[in-house]
Amino acid sequence: MIDFRGRVAVVTGAASGIGRGLAERFAAEGMRLVLADIQPEPLHAVAAALRLNGAEVVTQLTDVADAAAVQALADCAWSAFGAVHVLCNNAGVVPGARFRPIWETAPEDWHWSLNVNLMGVVHGILAFVPRMRAQGGWGHVVNTISVAGLVSGTNSPAYGAAKHAALRATEALYADLRAEASPIGVTALCPGVVATGIGNSERNRPATLVPAGGVRDDDPQAKERYASAKSAALMPAEVAEMVLRAIRERTFYLVTTTAFDRGVRERMDAILNRRNPDFPDILTMSQEESDARR
């Protein structure tokens, strides 16, 4: 059994949602925390709340799309605590209209999604994993992917493509560490519908990546279906508990629901059987997940 007390955890996107849930769960285990986010006030509020409960917390404003900023986060962590044992590359965004066809997805949406959802993970790996390997001993990397990185079809193409790529990068990290019999484990966290604010990502869109015609919105019917699907979503604390168990058990694929299994199976079966796919609708599967939890 891993003793987390006194170990050091770094969490990006820590000011809300799954990131905050992870920070709170790690603090309950007695871990020392380095929390990063792009939003200063919510980040400082989370840190203050954790400190009131006795946690040792350092914060760092970080845009994970910026490689230098993530390197600075690593410098901050080692300067504060001299080690990092758990790294959670968790920050993510869903840009623009999620439920429109790919030809209506602006280039700026693609750049923003890839910069954060893919390169944010890559920057974390490059900045932290070599130092974690050099320090020696046990460690673990958790990359927040999504079931959108496992299924395919319509909806959120810029988000889904980035998450598919982030999963491939995470699989490479796992394989490389395993090849050298490293004591550093890896988990690809693939949540289904979770009660987070990622649907409001536009609050953090860089001004340089606003499309010329403005950000497109979803049609009211799609927004209503999405809101309904989220009404019985998993809570971040539930996901954080799953993550803690996955770290202890060195679980690689952590999928928080079975509701999207038929989407994963359809894609894999189509590939293996060399046939054209018939992708299930992601919104429908999201609704089914929520219905099962009611």
C-alpha atoms as a PDB file:
ATOM      1  CA  MET A   1       0.000   0.000   0.000  1.00  0.00           C
ATOM      2  CA  ILE A   2       1.405   3.384  -1.025  1.00  0.00           C
ATOM      3  CA  ASP A   3       1.751   5.900   1.775  1.00  0.00           C
ATOM      4  CA  PHE A   4       0.904   9.284   0.244  1.00  0.00           C
ATOM      5  CA  ARG A   5       1.623  11.306   3.369  1.00  0.00           C
ATOM      6  CA  GLY A   6       4.366  13.847   2.761  1.00  0.00           C
ATOM      7  CA  ARG A   7       4.547  13.074  -0.970  1.00  0.00           C
ATOM      8  CA  VAL A   8       4.295  15.913  -3.485  1.00  0.00           C
ATOM      9  CA  ALA A   9       1.503  16.230  -6.059  1.00  0.00           C
ATOM     10  CA  VAL A  10       1.326  18.726  -8.920  1.00  0.00           C
ATOM     11  CA  VAL A  11      -2.106  19.389 -10.431  1.00  0.00           C
ATOM     12  CA  THR A  12      -2.832  21.625 -13.417  1.00  0.00           C
ATOM     13  CA  GLY A  13      -6.309  23.011 -13.942  1.00  0.00           C
ATOM     14  CA  ALA A  14      -6.581  22.850 -10.153  1.00  0.00           C
ATOM     15  CA  ALA A  15      -8.933  25.794  -9.595  1.00  0.00           C
ATOM     16  CA  SER A  16     -12.115  23.898 -10.442  1.00  0.00           C
ATOM     17  CA  GLY A  17     -13.685  20.639 -11.535  1.00  0.00           C
ATOM     18  CA  ILE A  18     -11.639  17.452 -11.560  1.00  0.00           C
ATOM     19  CA  GLY A  19      -8.450  19.373 -10.754  1.00  0.00           C
ATOM     20  CA  ARG A  20      -9.927  20.764  -7.573  1.00  0.00           C
ATOM     21  CA  GLY A  21     -11.322  17.338  -6.683  1.00  0.00           C
ATOM     22  CA  LEU A  22      -7.859  15.815  -7.083  1.00  0.00           C
ATOM     23  CA  ALA A  23      -6.267  18.548  -4.965  1.00  0.00           C
ATOM     24  CA  GLU A  24      -8.779  18.034  -2.170  1.00  0.00           C
ATOM     25  CA  ARG A  25      -8.388  14.250  -2.236  1.00  0.00           C
ATOM     26  CA  PHE A  26      -4.599  14.409  -2.243  1.00  0.00           C
ATOM     27  CA  ALA A  27      -4.669  16.896   0.632  1.00  0.00           C
ATOM     28  CA  ALA A  28      -6.846  14.473   2.612  1.00  0.00           C
ATOM     29  CA  GLU A  29      -4.063  11.897   2.169  1.00  0.00           C
ATOM     30  CA  GLY A  30      -1.531  14.314   3.658  1.00  0.00           C
ATOM     31  CA  MET A  31       0.213  15.176   0.412  1.00  0.00           C
ATOM     32  CA  ARG A  32       1.979  18.465  -0.219  1.00  0.00           C
ATOM     33  CA  LEU A  33       0.523  20.273  -3.199  1.00  0.00           C
ATOM     34  CA  VAL A  34       1.649  22.414  -6.101  1.00  0.00           C
ATOM     35  CA  LEU A  35      -1.502  23.740  -7.754  1.00  0.00           C
ATOM     36  CA  ALA A  36      -1.568  25.446 -11.139  1.00  0.00           C
ATOM     37  CA  ASP A  37      -4.280  27.172 -13.118  1.00  0.00           C
ATOM     38  CA  ILE A  38      -4.727  30.028 -15.570  1.00  0.00           C
ATOM     39  CA  GLN A  39      -7.322  31.749 -13.344  1.00  0.00           C
ATOM     40  CA  PRO A  40      -5.697  33.513 -10.375  1.00  0.00           C
ATOM     41  CA  GLU A  41      -8.633  34.202  -8.067  1.00  0.00           C
ATOM     42  CA  PRO A  42     -10.221  30.707  -8.134  1.00  0.00           C
ATOM     43  CA  LEU A  43      -6.768  29.149  -7.768  1.00  0.00           C
ATOM     44  CA  HIS A  44      -5.946  31.216  -4.702  1.00  0.00           C
ATOM     45  CA  ALA A  45      -9.383  30.476  -3.224  1.00  0.00           C
ATOM     46  CA  VAL A  46      -8.842  26.719  -3.543  1.00  0.00           C
ATOM     47  CA  ALA A  47      -5.386  26.991  -1.984  1.00  0.00           C
ATOM     48  CA  ALA A  48      -6.703  29.095   0.898  1.00  0.00           C
ATOM     49  CA  ALA A  49      -9.462  26.585   1.645  1.00  0.00           C
ATOM     50  CA  LEU A  50      -6.980  23.704   1.648  1.00  0.00           C
ATOM     51  CA  ARG A  51      -4.558  25.568   3.897  1.00  0.00           C
ATOM     52  CA  LEU A  52      -7.341  26.173   6.421  1.00  0.00           C
ATOM     53  CA  ASN A  53      -7.566  22.387   6.704  1.00  0.00           C
ATOM     54  CA  GLY A  54      -3.834  22.080   7.288  1.00  0.00           C
ATOM     55  CA  ALA A  55      -2.579  21.319   3.795  1.00  0.00           C
ATOM     56  CA  GLU A  56       0.805  22.549   2.602  1.00  0.00           C
ATOM     57  CA  VAL A  57       0.083  24.279  -0.704  1.00  0.00           C
ATOM     58  CA  VAL A  58       2.061  26.261  -3.265  1.00  0.00           C
ATOM     59  CA  THR A  59       0.352  27.889  -6.256  1.00  0.00           C
ATOM     60  CA  GLN A  60       1.624  28.921  -9.668  1.00  0.00           C
ATOM     61  CA  LEU A  61      -0.298  30.690 -12.410  1.00  0.00           C
ATOM     62  CA  THR A  62       0.287  28.530 -15.480  1.00  0.00           C
ATOM     63  CA  ASP A  63      -0.897  28.464 -19.054  1.00  0.00           C
ATOM     64  CA  VAL A  64      -0.165  24.852 -19.992  1.00  0.00           C
ATOM     65  CA  ALA A  65      -0.142  25.821 -23.685  1.00  0.00           C
ATOM     66  CA  ASP A  66       3.108  27.664 -22.947  1.00  0.00           C
ATOM     67  CA  ALA A  67       6.079  25.288 -22.654  1.00  0.00           C
ATOM     68  CA  ALA A  68       8.144  27.852 -20.718  1.00  0.00           C
ATOM     69  CA  ALA A  69       5.314  28.335 -18.217  1.00  0.00           C
ATOM     70  CA  VAL A  70       5.144  24.591 -17.551  1.00  0.00           C
ATOM     71  CA  GLN A  71       8.922  24.458 -17.131  1.00  0.00           C
ATOM     72  CA  ALA A  72       8.543  27.303 -14.614  1.00  0.00           C
ATOM     73  CA  LEU A  73       5.896  25.233 -12.807  1.00  0.00           C
ATOM     74  CA  ALA A  74       8.346  22.346 -12.536  1.00  0.00           C
ATOM     75  CA  ASP A  75      11.018  24.725 -11.214  1.00  0.00           C
ATOM     76  CA  CYS A  76       8.517  25.994  -8.662  1.00  0.00           C
ATOM     77  CA  ALA A  77       7.652  22.479  -7.485  1.00  0.00           C
ATOM     78  CA  TRP A  78      11.242  21.334  -7.012  1.00  0.00           C
ATOM     79  CA  SER A  79      12.206  24.637  -5.418  1.00  0.00           C
ATOM     80  CA  ALA A  80       9.353  24.398  -2.920  1.00  0.00           C
ATOM     81  CA  PHE A  81       9.499  20.707  -2.026  1.00  0.00           C
ATOM     82  CA  GLY A  82      12.585  19.166  -3.644  1.00  0.00           C
ATOM     83  CA  ALA A  83      10.624  16.412  -5.386  1.00  0.00           C
ATOM     84  CA  VAL A  84       7.479  15.564  -7.346  1.00  0.00           C
ATOM     85  CA  HIS A  85       5.816  12.178  -6.900  1.00  0.00           C
ATOM     86  CA  VAL A  86       2.419  12.602  -8.589  1.00  0.00           C
ATOM     87  CA  LEU A  87       1.891  14.741 -11.681  1.00  0.00           C
ATOM     88  CA  CYS A  88      -1.650  15.400 -12.914  1.00  0.00           C
ATOM     89  CA  ASN A  89      -1.740  16.968 -16.371  1.00  0.00           C
ATOM     90  CA  ASN A  90      -5.389  17.866 -15.986  1.00  0.00           C
ATOM     91  CA  ALA A  91      -6.033  21.289 -17.556  1.00  0.00           C
ATOM     92  CA  GLY A  92      -8.377  21.204 -20.537  1.00  0.00           C
ATOM     93  CA  VAL A  93     -10.755  23.287 -22.635  1.00  0.00           C
ATOM     94  CA  VAL A  94     -13.732  22.696 -24.927  1.00  0.00           C
ATOM     95  CA  PRO A  95     -13.662  25.463 -27.542  1.00  0.00           C
ATOM     96  CA  GLY A  96     -16.532  26.990 -29.451  1.00  0.00           C
ATOM     97  CA  ALA A  97     -19.692  25.206 -30.465  1.00  0.00           C
ATOM     98  CA  ARG A  98     -19.414  21.546 -29.479  1.00  0.00           C
ATOM     99  CA  PHE A  99     -22.285  20.143 -31.464  1.00  0.00           C
ATOM    100  CA  ARG A 100     -21.693  21.499 -34.965  1.00  0.00           C
ATOM    101  CA  PRO A 101     -20.059  19.732 -37.940  1.00  0.00           C
ATOM    102  CA  ILE A 102     -16.323  19.827 -38.456  1.00  0.00           C
ATOM    103  CA  TRP A 103     -16.552  22.285 -41.372  1.00  0.00           C
ATOM    104  CA  GLU A 104     -18.020  24.840 -38.964  1.00  0.00           C
ATOM    105  CA  THR A 105     -15.097  24.466 -36.532  1.00  0.00           C
ATOM    106  CA  ALA A 106     -12.844  27.514 -36.863  1.00  0.00           C
ATOM    107  CA  PRO A 107      -9.055  27.195 -37.210  1.00  0.00           C
ATOM    108  CA  GLU A 108      -8.724  29.165 -33.967  1.00  0.00           C
ATOM    109  CA  ASP A 109     -10.764  26.489 -32.172  1.00  0.00           C
ATOM    110  CA  TRP A 110      -8.364  23.841 -33.470  1.00  0.00           C
ATOM    111  CA  HIS A 111      -5.295  25.788 -32.370  1.00  0.00           C
ATOM    112  CA  TRP A 112      -6.662  26.463 -28.897  1.00  0.00           C
ATOM    113  CA  SER A 113      -7.780  22.883 -28.321  1.00  0.00           C
ATOM    114  CA  LEU A 114      -4.528  21.358 -29.542  1.00  0.00           C
ATOM    115  CA  ASN A 115      -2.455  23.896 -27.604  1.00  0.00           C
ATOM    116  CA  VAL A 116      -4.132  23.056 -24.295  1.00  0.00           C
ATOM    117  CA  ASN A 117      -5.540  19.528 -24.555  1.00  0.00           C
ATOM    118  CA  LEU A 118      -2.601  17.965 -26.391  1.00  0.00           C
ATOM    119  CA  MET A 119       0.423  20.200 -25.909  1.00  0.00           C
ATOM    120  CA  GLY A 120      -0.496  20.897 -22.279  1.00  0.00           C
ATOM    121  CA  VAL A 121      -0.015  17.178 -21.636  1.00  0.00           C
ATOM    122  CA  VAL A 122       3.165  17.035 -23.739  1.00  0.00           C
ATOM    123  CA  HIS A 123       4.626  20.071 -21.985  1.00  0.00           C
ATOM    124  CA  GLY A 124       3.922  18.438 -18.625  1.00  0.00           C
ATOM    125  CA  ILE A 125       5.649  15.235 -19.673  1.00  0.00           C
ATOM    126  CA  LEU A 126       8.705  17.080 -20.996  1.00  0.00           C
ATOM    127  CA  ALA A 127       9.032  19.374 -17.979  1.00  0.00           C
ATOM    128  CA  PHE A 128       8.455  16.825 -15.206  1.00  0.00           C
ATOM    129  CA  VAL A 129       9.121  13.238 -16.247  1.00  0.00           C
ATOM    130  CA  PRO A 130      12.905  13.554 -16.813  1.00  0.00           C
ATOM    131  CA  ARG A 131      13.276  15.099 -13.341  1.00  0.00           C
ATOM    132  CA  MET A 132      11.006  12.461 -11.795  1.00  0.00           C
ATOM    133  CA  ARG A 133      13.141   9.751 -13.376  1.00  0.00           C
ATOM    134  CA  ALA A 134      16.329  11.439 -12.170  1.00  0.00           C
ATOM    135  CA  GLN A 135      15.123  11.778  -8.577  1.00  0.00           C
ATOM    136  CA  GLY A 136      14.499   8.015  -8.474  1.00  0.00           C
ATOM    137  CA  GLY A 137      11.891   6.000  -6.627  1.00  0.00           C
ATOM    138  CA  TRP A 138       8.142   5.760  -6.875  1.00  0.00           C
ATOM    139  CA  GLY A 139       6.060   8.198  -8.892  1.00  0.00           C
ATOM    140  CA  HIS A 140       2.939   8.434 -10.990  1.00  0.00           C
ATOM    141  CA  VAL A 141       1.652  10.528 -13.908  1.00  0.00           C
ATOM    142  CA  VAL A 142      -2.080  11.037 -14.447  1.00  0.00           C
ATOM    143  CA  ASN A 143      -3.112  12.579 -17.759  1.00  0.00           C
ATOM    144  CA  THR A 144      -6.740  13.652 -17.984  1.00  0.00           C
ATOM    145  CA  ILE A 145      -7.996  12.508 -21.362  1.00  0.00           C
ATOM    146  CA  SER A 146     -11.762  11.923 -21.789  1.00  0.00           C
ATOM    147  CA  VAL A 147     -14.052   9.294 -23.218  1.00  0.00           C
ATOM    148  CA  ALA A 148     -13.877  11.675 -26.203  1.00  0.00           C
ATOM    149  CA  GLY A 149     -10.370  10.285 -26.687  1.00  0.00           C
ATOM    150  CA  LEU A 150     -11.774   6.754 -27.005  1.00  0.00           C
ATOM    151  CA  VAL A 151     -14.864   7.228 -29.166  1.00  0.00           C
ATOM    152  CA  SER A 152     -15.367   9.041 -32.445  1.00  0.00           C
ATOM    153  CA  GLY A 153     -17.986  10.473 -34.761  1.00  0.00           C
ATOM    154  CA  THR A 154     -19.779  13.804 -34.795  1.00  0.00           C
ATOM    155  CA  ASN A 155     -19.567  16.568 -32.171  1.00  0.00           C
ATOM    156  CA  SER A 156     -16.571  18.408 -30.674  1.00  0.00           C
ATOM    157  CA  PRO A 157     -14.069  17.463 -33.404  1.00  0.00           C
ATOM    158  CA  ALA A 158     -11.337  19.851 -32.206  1.00  0.00           C
ATOM    159  CA  TYR A 159     -11.686  18.608 -28.629  1.00  0.00           C
ATOM    160  CA  GLY A 160     -11.971  14.936 -29.561  1.00  0.00           C
ATOM    161  CA  ALA A 161      -9.024  14.986 -31.958  1.00  0.00           C
ATOM    162  CA  ALA A 162      -6.800  16.598 -29.331  1.00  0.00           C
ATOM    163  CA  LYS A 163      -7.887  14.039 -26.744  1.00  0.00           C
ATOM    164  CA  HIS A 164      -7.204  11.138 -29.119  1.00  0.00           C
ATOM    165  CA  ALA A 165      -3.710  12.537 -29.648  1.00  0.00           C
ATOM    166  CA  ALA A 166      -3.201  13.078 -25.919  1.00  0.00           C
ATOM    167  CA  LEU A 167      -4.123   9.453 -25.300  1.00  0.00           C
ATOM    168  CA  ARG A 168      -1.558   8.317 -27.868  1.00  0.00           C
ATOM    169  CA  ALA A 169       1.091  10.434 -26.142  1.00  0.00           C
ATOM    170  CA  THR A 170       0.087   8.958 -22.783  1.00  0.00           C
ATOM    171  CA  GLU A 171       0.310   5.426 -24.159  1.00  0.00           C
ATOM    172  CA  ALA A 172       3.811   6.223 -25.419  1.00  0.00           C
ATOM    173  CA  LEU A 173       4.808   7.487 -21.975  1.00  0.00           C
ATOM    174  CA  TYR A 174       3.474   4.319 -20.355  1.00  0.00           C
ATOM    175  CA  ALA A 175       5.281   2.092 -22.861  1.00  0.00           C
ATOM    176  CA  ASP A 176       8.590   3.947 -22.550  1.00  0.00           C
ATOM    177  CA  LEU A 177       8.567   3.852 -18.745  1.00  0.00           C
ATOM    178  CA  ARG A 178       7.556   0.211 -18.726  1.00  0.00           C
ATOM    179  CA  ALA A 179      10.376  -0.647 -21.162  1.00  0.00           C
ATOM    180  CA  GLU A 180      12.919   0.601 -18.646  1.00  0.00           C
ATOM    181  CA  ALA A 181      11.114  -1.058 -15.703  1.00  0.00           C
ATOM    182  CA  SER A 182      10.544   2.358 -14.168  1.00  0.00           C
ATOM    183  CA  PRO A 183       8.828   2.686 -10.780  1.00  0.00           C
ATOM    184  CA  ILE A 184       6.837   5.591 -12.263  1.00  0.00           C
ATOM    185  CA  GLY A 185       3.303   4.547 -13.160  1.00  0.00           C
ATOM    186  CA  VAL A 186       0.948   6.170 -15.667  1.00  0.00           C
ATOM    187  CA  THR A 187      -2.829   6.544 -15.756  1.00  0.00           C
ATOM    188  CA  ALA A 188      -4.928   7.743 -18.690  1.00  0.00           C
ATOM    189  CA  LEU A 189      -7.980   9.202 -16.973  1.00  0.00           C
ATOM    190  CA  CYS A 190     -10.958   8.975 -19.365  1.00  0.00           C
ATOM    191  CA  PRO A 191     -13.982  10.471 -17.601  1.00  0.00           C
ATOM    192  CA  GLY A 192     -17.502  10.409 -18.954  1.00  0.00           C
ATOM    193  CA  VAL A 193     -19.879  13.195 -17.985  1.00  0.00           C
ATOM    194  CA  VAL A 194     -18.581  15.031 -14.905  1.00  0.00           C
ATOM    195  CA  ALA A 195     -20.001  18.086 -13.138  1.00  0.00           C
ATOM    196  CA  THR A 196     -17.295  20.569 -14.103  1.00  0.00           C
ATOM    197  CA  GLY A 197     -17.110  23.982 -15.731  1.00  0.00           C
ATOM    198  CA  ILE A 198     -15.298  22.800 -18.856  1.00  0.00           C
ATOM    199  CA  GLY A 199     -18.395  23.666 -20.871  1.00  0.00           C
ATOM    200  CA  ASN A 200     -17.685  27.304 -19.962  1.00  0.00           C
ATOM    201  CA  SER A 201     -14.109  27.233 -21.267  1.00  0.00           C
ATOM    202  CA  GLU A 202     -14.663  30.340 -23.381  1.00  0.00           C
ATOM    203  CA  ARG A 203     -13.957  32.451 -20.286  1.00  0.00           C
ATOM    204  CA  ASN A 204     -10.286  31.542 -20.750  1.00  0.00           C
ATOM    205  CA  ARG A 205      -9.928  31.744 -24.533  1.00  0.00           C
ATOM    206  CA  PRO A 206      -6.857  33.794 -25.548  1.00  0.00           C
ATOM    207  CA  ALA A 207      -7.749  37.022 -27.344  1.00  0.00           C
ATOM    208  CA  THR A 208      -5.386  36.029 -30.161  1.00  0.00           C
ATOM    209  CA  LEU A 209      -7.471  32.906 -30.869  1.00  0.00           C
ATOM    210  CA  VAL A 210     -10.918  34.467 -31.239  1.00  0.00           C
ATOM    211  CA  PRO A 211     -12.318  33.682 -34.723  1.00  0.00           C
ATOM    212  CA  ALA A 212     -12.784  36.669 -37.015  1.00  0.00           C
ATOM    213  CA  GLY A 213     -16.566  36.254 -36.994  1.00  0.00           C
ATOM    214  CA  GLY A 214     -16.726  35.586 -33.262  1.00  0.00           C
ATOM    215  CA  VAL A 215     -17.222  32.325 -31.388  1.00  0.00           C
ATOM    216  CA  ARG A 216     -20.143  30.271 -32.701  1.00  0.00           C
ATOM    217  CA  ASP A 217     -22.747  28.925 -30.295  1.00  0.00           C
ATOM    218  CA  ASP A 218     -24.616  25.619 -30.288  1.00  0.00           C
ATOM    219  CA  ASP A 219     -28.242  25.465 -31.281  1.00  0.00           C
ATOM    220  CA  PRO A 220     -30.723  25.517 -28.352  1.00  0.00           C
ATOM    221  CA  GLN A 221     -31.759  21.873 -28.791  1.00  0.00           C
ATOM    222  CA  ALA A 222     -28.169  20.589 -28.522  1.00  0.00           C
ATOM    223  CA  LYS A 223     -27.529  22.804 -25.489  1.00  0.00           C
ATOM    224  CA  GLU A 224     -30.667  21.463 -23.806  1.00  0.00           C
ATOM    225  CA  ARG A 225     -29.625  17.852 -24.450  1.00  0.00           C
ATOM    226  CA  TYR A 226     -26.148  18.547 -23.042  1.00  0.00           C
ATOM    227  CA  ALA A 227     -27.573  20.229 -19.939  1.00  0.00           C
ATOM    228  CA  SER A 228     -29.867  17.260 -19.399  1.00  0.00           C
ATOM    229  CA  ALA A 229     -26.950  14.848 -19.705  1.00  0.00           C
ATOM    230  CA  LYS A 230     -24.982  16.795 -17.108  1.00  0.00           C
ATOM    231  CA  SER A 231     -27.844  16.890 -14.603  1.00  0.00           C
ATOM    232  CA  ALA A 232     -26.834  13.555 -13.087  1.00  0.00           C
ATOM    233  CA  ALA A 233     -23.102  13.758 -13.809  1.00  0.00           C
ATOM    234  CA  LEU A 234     -20.361  12.272 -11.687  1.00  0.00           C
ATOM    235  CA  MET A 235     -18.994  14.652  -9.085  1.00  0.00           C
ATOM    236  CA  PRO A 236     -15.277  15.559  -9.227  1.00  0.00           C
ATOM    237  CA  ALA A 237     -14.778  14.001  -5.795  1.00  0.00           C
ATOM    238  CA  GLU A 238     -15.978  10.651  -7.154  1.00  0.00           C
ATOM    239  CA  VAL A 239     -13.501  10.858 -10.019  1.00  0.00           C
ATOM    240  CA  ALA A 240     -10.694  11.818  -7.616  1.00  0.00           C
ATOM    241  CA  GLU A 241     -11.422   8.714  -5.538  1.00  0.00           C
ATOM    242  CA  MET A 242     -11.125   6.577  -8.669  1.00  0.00           C
ATOM    243  CA  VAL A 243      -7.824   8.254  -9.518  1.00  0.00           C
ATOM    244  CA  LEU A 244      -6.390   7.563  -6.075  1.00  0.00           C
ATOM    245  CA  ARG A 245      -7.317   3.891  -6.453  1.00  0.00           C
ATOM    246  CA  ALA A 246      -5.799   3.800  -9.943  1.00  0.00           C
ATOM    247  CA  ILE A 247      -2.530   5.232  -8.649  1.00  0.00           C
ATOM    248  CA  ARG A 248      -2.400   2.643  -5.880  1.00  0.00           C
ATOM    249  CA  GLU A 249      -3.169  -0.208  -8.289  1.00  0.00           C
ATOM    250  CA  ARG A 250      -1.059   1.167 -11.178  1.00  0.00           C
ATOM    251  CA  THR A 251      -4.084   1.129 -13.488  1.00  0.00           C
ATOM    252  CA  PHE A 252      -3.426   2.570 -16.923  1.00  0.00           C
ATOM    253  CA  TYR A 253      -6.858   2.985 -18.554  1.00  0.00           C
ATOM    254  CA  LEU A 254      -9.224   4.571 -16.058  1.00  0.00           C
ATOM    255  CA  VAL A 255     -12.635   4.889 -17.717  1.00  0.00           C
ATOM    256  CA  THR A 256     -15.205   6.197 -15.245  1.00  0.00           C
ATOM    257  CA  THR A 257     -18.307   4.746 -16.945  1.00  0.00           C
ATOM    258  CA  THR A 258     -19.462   1.890 -19.153  1.00  0.00           C
ATOM    259  CA  ALA A 259     -21.961   4.102 -21.003  1.00  0.00           C
ATOM    260  CA  PHE A 260     -19.554   4.776 -23.882  1.00  0.00           C
ATOM    261  CA  ASP A 261     -18.356   1.187 -24.281  1.00  0.00           C
ATOM    262  CA  ARG A 262     -20.476   0.580 -27.366  1.00  0.00           C
ATOM    263  CA  GLY A 263     -18.912   3.648 -28.983  1.00  0.00           C
ATOM    264  CA  VAL A 264     -15.428   2.340 -28.246  1.00  0.00           C
ATOM    265  CA  ARG A 265     -16.388  -1.149 -29.431  1.00  0.00           C
ATOM    266  CA  GLU A 266     -17.960   0.118 -32.662  1.00  0.00           C
ATOM    267  CA  ARG A 267     -14.825   2.025 -33.575  1.00  0.00           C
ATOM    268  CA  MET A 268     -12.480  -0.861 -32.754  1.00  0.00           C
ATOM    269  CA  ASP A 269     -14.654  -3.472 -34.471  1.00  0.00           C
ATOM    270  CA  ALA A 270     -14.896  -1.353 -37.621  1.00  0.00           C
ATOM    271  CA  ILE A 271     -11.110  -1.002 -37.733  1.00  0.00           C
ATOM    272  CA  LEU A 272     -10.419  -4.699 -37.102  1.00  0.00           C
ATOM    273  CA  ASN A 273     -13.106  -5.869 -39.521  1.00  0.00           C
ATOM    274  CA  ARG A 274     -12.110  -3.358 -42.216  1.00  0.00           C
ATOM    275  CA  ARG A 275     -15.656  -2.029 -42.507  1.00  0.00           C
ATOM    276  CA  ASN A 276     -17.196   1.434 -42.466  1.00  0.00           C
ATOM    277  CA  PRO A 277     -18.121   2.578 -38.950  1.00  0.00           C
ATOM    278  CA  ASP A 278     -21.562   3.486 -37.644  1.00  0.00           C
ATOM    279  CA  PHE A 279     -20.635   5.754 -34.744  1.00  0.00           C
ATOM    280  CA  PRO A 280     -23.186   6.113 -31.907  1.00  0.00           C
ATOM    281  CA  ASP A 281     -24.108   9.688 -31.032  1.00  0.00           C
ATOM    282  CA  ILE A 282     -21.952  11.054 -28.195  1.00  0.00           C
ATOM    283  CA  LEU A 283     -24.787  13.133 -26.763  1.00  0.00           C
ATOM    284  CA  THR A 284     -27.045  10.076 -26.688  1.00  0.00           C
ATOM    285  CA  MET A 285     -24.410   8.058 -24.830  1.00  0.00           C
ATOM    286  CA  SER A 286     -23.927  10.964 -22.417  1.00  0.00           C
ATOM    287  CA  GLN A 287     -27.666  11.009 -21.740  1.00  0.00           C
ATOM    288  CA  GLU A 288     -27.665   7.251 -21.164  1.00  0.00           C
ATOM    289  CA  GLU A 289     -24.856   7.613 -18.634  1.00  0.00           C
ATOM    290  CA  SER A 290     -26.817  10.239 -16.709  1.00  0.00           C
ATOM    291  CA  ASP A 291     -30.048   8.254 -16.909  1.00  0.00           C
ATOM    292  CA  ALA A 292     -28.277   5.239 -15.410  1.00  0.00           C
ATOM    293  CA  ARG A 293     -27.132   7.347 -12.456  1.00  0.00           C
ATOM    294  CA  ARG A 294     -30.573   8.736 -11.622  1.00  0.00           C
END
